[in-house]
Amino acid sequence: MSTITLQDNRWTVTGEILMDSASALLAQSQQLTMPAVLSVDFSGVDNLDTSALSLVIEWLRRAEDENVQLKFTHFPASLISLASLYGVTDFISESA
């Protein structure tokens, strides 16, 4: 099972981010507040696919809409590889 929890100014993502869990993770994240400065920690993610990249981009959009300074930590190497494959590494690394 995949989850997102909020503690202080950090969202912690755990489990898998796959096509069948990404929608549920997005729904969970929409229920969480985005503090003015937010760190999203991926250290608990053990498997992912391209839907993880879509989720990251959605969070970036929301952060921009809500004027939130968003930072990602512990990006899995596979997520960085996918970002490179799709040509969005610079877009994401600006927030990392």
C-alpha atoms as a PDB file:
ATOM      1  CA  MET A   1       0.000   0.000   0.000  1.00  0.00           C
ATOM      2  CA  SER A   2       1.205   3.482  -0.867  1.00  0.00           C
ATOM      3  CA  THR A   3       0.773   6.438   1.464  1.00  0.00           C
ATOM      4  CA  ILE A   4       1.615  10.089   1.890  1.00  0.00           C
ATOM      5  CA  THR A   5       1.890  11.551   5.365  1.00  0.00           C
ATOM      6  CA  LEU A   6       2.436  15.113   6.524  1.00  0.00           C
ATOM      7  CA  GLN A   7       4.762  15.875   9.407  1.00  0.00           C
ATOM      8  CA  ASP A   8       5.883  19.436  10.021  1.00  0.00           C
ATOM      9  CA  ASN A   9       6.783  20.780   6.556  1.00  0.00           C
ATOM     10  CA  ARG A  10       7.410  17.391   4.964  1.00  0.00           C
ATOM     11  CA  TRP A  11       5.329  14.945   2.982  1.00  0.00           C
ATOM     12  CA  THR A  12       6.717  11.432   3.213  1.00  0.00           C
ATOM     13  CA  VAL A  13       5.802   9.087   0.365  1.00  0.00           C
ATOM     14  CA  THR A  14       6.040   5.355   1.025  1.00  0.00           C
ATOM     15  CA  GLY A  15       5.345   2.212  -0.947  1.00  0.00           C
ATOM     16  CA  GLU A  16       4.953   1.960  -4.687  1.00  0.00           C
ATOM     17  CA  ILE A  17       4.009   4.690  -7.135  1.00  0.00           C
ATOM     18  CA  LEU A  18       2.541   2.725  -9.989  1.00  0.00           C
ATOM     19  CA  MET A  19      -0.283   3.266 -12.458  1.00  0.00           C
ATOM     20  CA  ASP A  20      -2.773   1.537 -10.164  1.00  0.00           C
ATOM     21  CA  SER A  21      -1.786   3.533  -7.054  1.00  0.00           C
ATOM     22  CA  ALA A  22      -1.009   6.995  -8.457  1.00  0.00           C
ATOM     23  CA  SER A  23      -4.624   8.187  -8.439  1.00  0.00           C
ATOM     24  CA  ALA A  24      -5.035   7.209  -4.798  1.00  0.00           C
ATOM     25  CA  LEU A  25      -1.776   8.976  -3.915  1.00  0.00           C
ATOM     26  CA  LEU A  26      -2.929  12.095  -5.737  1.00  0.00           C
ATOM     27  CA  ALA A  27      -6.236  12.004  -3.840  1.00  0.00           C
ATOM     28  CA  GLN A  28      -4.368  11.589  -0.531  1.00  0.00           C
ATOM     29  CA  SER A  29      -2.096  14.513  -1.355  1.00  0.00           C
ATOM     30  CA  GLN A  30      -5.049  16.733  -2.195  1.00  0.00           C
ATOM     31  CA  GLN A  31      -6.279  16.243   1.370  1.00  0.00           C
ATOM     32  CA  LEU A  32      -2.948  17.451   2.796  1.00  0.00           C
ATOM     33  CA  THR A  33      -2.000  21.069   3.254  1.00  0.00           C
ATOM     34  CA  MET A  34       0.963  22.514   1.401  1.00  0.00           C
ATOM     35  CA  PRO A  35       2.881  24.701   3.836  1.00  0.00           C
ATOM     36  CA  ALA A  36       4.674  27.744   2.383  1.00  0.00           C
ATOM     37  CA  VAL A  37       7.858  25.640   2.254  1.00  0.00           C
ATOM     38  CA  LEU A  38       7.330  21.934   1.601  1.00  0.00           C
ATOM     39  CA  SER A  39       9.733  19.039   1.226  1.00  0.00           C
ATOM     40  CA  VAL A  40       8.541  15.806  -0.397  1.00  0.00           C
ATOM     41  CA  ASP A  41      10.599  12.824   0.744  1.00  0.00           C
ATOM     42  CA  PHE A  42      10.789   9.813  -1.582  1.00  0.00           C
ATOM     43  CA  SER A  43      13.095   7.707   0.622  1.00  0.00           C
ATOM     44  CA  GLY A  44      10.259   5.268   1.384  1.00  0.00           C
ATOM     45  CA  VAL A  45       9.385   4.611  -2.270  1.00  0.00           C
ATOM     46  CA  ASP A  46      10.393   1.113  -3.286  1.00  0.00           C
ATOM     47  CA  ASN A  47       9.005   0.842  -6.819  1.00  0.00           C
ATOM     48  CA  LEU A  48       7.692   3.286  -9.416  1.00  0.00           C
ATOM     49  CA  ASP A  49       6.726   3.761 -13.026  1.00  0.00           C
ATOM     50  CA  THR A  50       5.993   6.760 -15.252  1.00  0.00           C
ATOM     51  CA  SER A  51       2.923   7.653 -13.204  1.00  0.00           C
ATOM     52  CA  ALA A  52       5.325   8.846 -10.472  1.00  0.00           C
ATOM     53  CA  LEU A  53       6.623  11.466 -12.873  1.00  0.00           C
ATOM     54  CA  SER A  54       3.063  12.629 -13.564  1.00  0.00           C
ATOM     55  CA  LEU A  55       2.439  12.876  -9.839  1.00  0.00           C
ATOM     56  CA  VAL A  56       5.564  14.996  -9.324  1.00  0.00           C
ATOM     57  CA  ILE A  57       4.531  17.332 -12.135  1.00  0.00           C
ATOM     58  CA  GLU A  58       1.030  17.650 -10.651  1.00  0.00           C
ATOM     59  CA  TRP A  59       2.529  18.586  -7.273  1.00  0.00           C
ATOM     60  CA  LEU A  60       4.745  21.168  -8.975  1.00  0.00           C
ATOM     61  CA  ARG A  61       1.665  22.691 -10.620  1.00  0.00           C
ATOM     62  CA  ARG A  62      -0.212  22.789  -7.325  1.00  0.00           C
ATOM     63  CA  ALA A  63       2.773  24.322  -5.542  1.00  0.00           C
ATOM     64  CA  GLU A  64       2.972  27.047  -8.161  1.00  0.00           C
ATOM     65  CA  ASP A  65      -0.773  27.715  -7.893  1.00  0.00           C
ATOM     66  CA  GLU A  66      -0.530  27.936  -4.095  1.00  0.00           C
ATOM     67  CA  ASN A  67       2.734  29.900  -4.108  1.00  0.00           C
ATOM     68  CA  VAL A  68       4.584  27.126  -2.270  1.00  0.00           C
ATOM     69  CA  GLN A  69       8.339  26.584  -2.353  1.00  0.00           C
ATOM     70  CA  LEU A  70       8.557  22.856  -3.150  1.00  0.00           C
ATOM     71  CA  LYS A  71      11.635  20.693  -2.717  1.00  0.00           C
ATOM     72  CA  PHE A  72      12.010  16.980  -3.445  1.00  0.00           C
ATOM     73  CA  THR A  73      14.407  14.785  -1.506  1.00  0.00           C
ATOM     74  CA  HIS A  74      15.684  11.254  -2.020  1.00  0.00           C
ATOM     75  CA  PHE A  75      14.516  10.961  -5.613  1.00  0.00           C
ATOM     76  CA  PRO A  76      14.983   7.330  -6.665  1.00  0.00           C
ATOM     77  CA  ALA A  77      17.499   6.871  -9.487  1.00  0.00           C
ATOM     78  CA  SER A  78      14.751   5.315 -11.605  1.00  0.00           C
ATOM     79  CA  LEU A  79      12.669   8.502 -11.325  1.00  0.00           C
ATOM     80  CA  ILE A  80      15.597  10.639 -12.410  1.00  0.00           C
ATOM     81  CA  SER A  81      16.142   8.252 -15.326  1.00  0.00           C
ATOM     82  CA  LEU A  82      12.488   8.552 -16.377  1.00  0.00           C
ATOM     83  CA  ALA A  83      12.668  12.345 -16.128  1.00  0.00           C
ATOM     84  CA  SER A  84      15.711  12.289 -18.386  1.00  0.00           C
ATOM     85  CA  LEU A  85      13.981   9.977 -20.861  1.00  0.00           C
ATOM     86  CA  TYR A  86      10.994  12.331 -21.099  1.00  0.00           C
ATOM     87  CA  GLY A  87      13.133  15.467 -21.227  1.00  0.00           C
ATOM     88  CA  VAL A  88      11.860  17.035 -18.007  1.00  0.00           C
ATOM     89  CA  THR A  89      14.973  16.693 -15.832  1.00  0.00           C
ATOM     90  CA  ASP A  90      15.670  20.440 -15.801  1.00  0.00           C
ATOM     91  CA  PHE A  91      12.067  21.196 -14.952  1.00  0.00           C
ATOM     92  CA  ILE A  92      12.132  18.858 -11.970  1.00  0.00           C
ATOM     93  CA  SER A  93      15.700  19.505 -10.835  1.00  0.00           C
ATOM     94  CA  GLU A  94      14.901  23.204 -10.357  1.00  0.00           C
ATOM     95  CA  SER A  95      12.690  22.134  -7.477  1.00  0.00           C
ATOM     96  CA  ALA A  96      14.879  19.346  -6.159  1.00  0.00           C
END
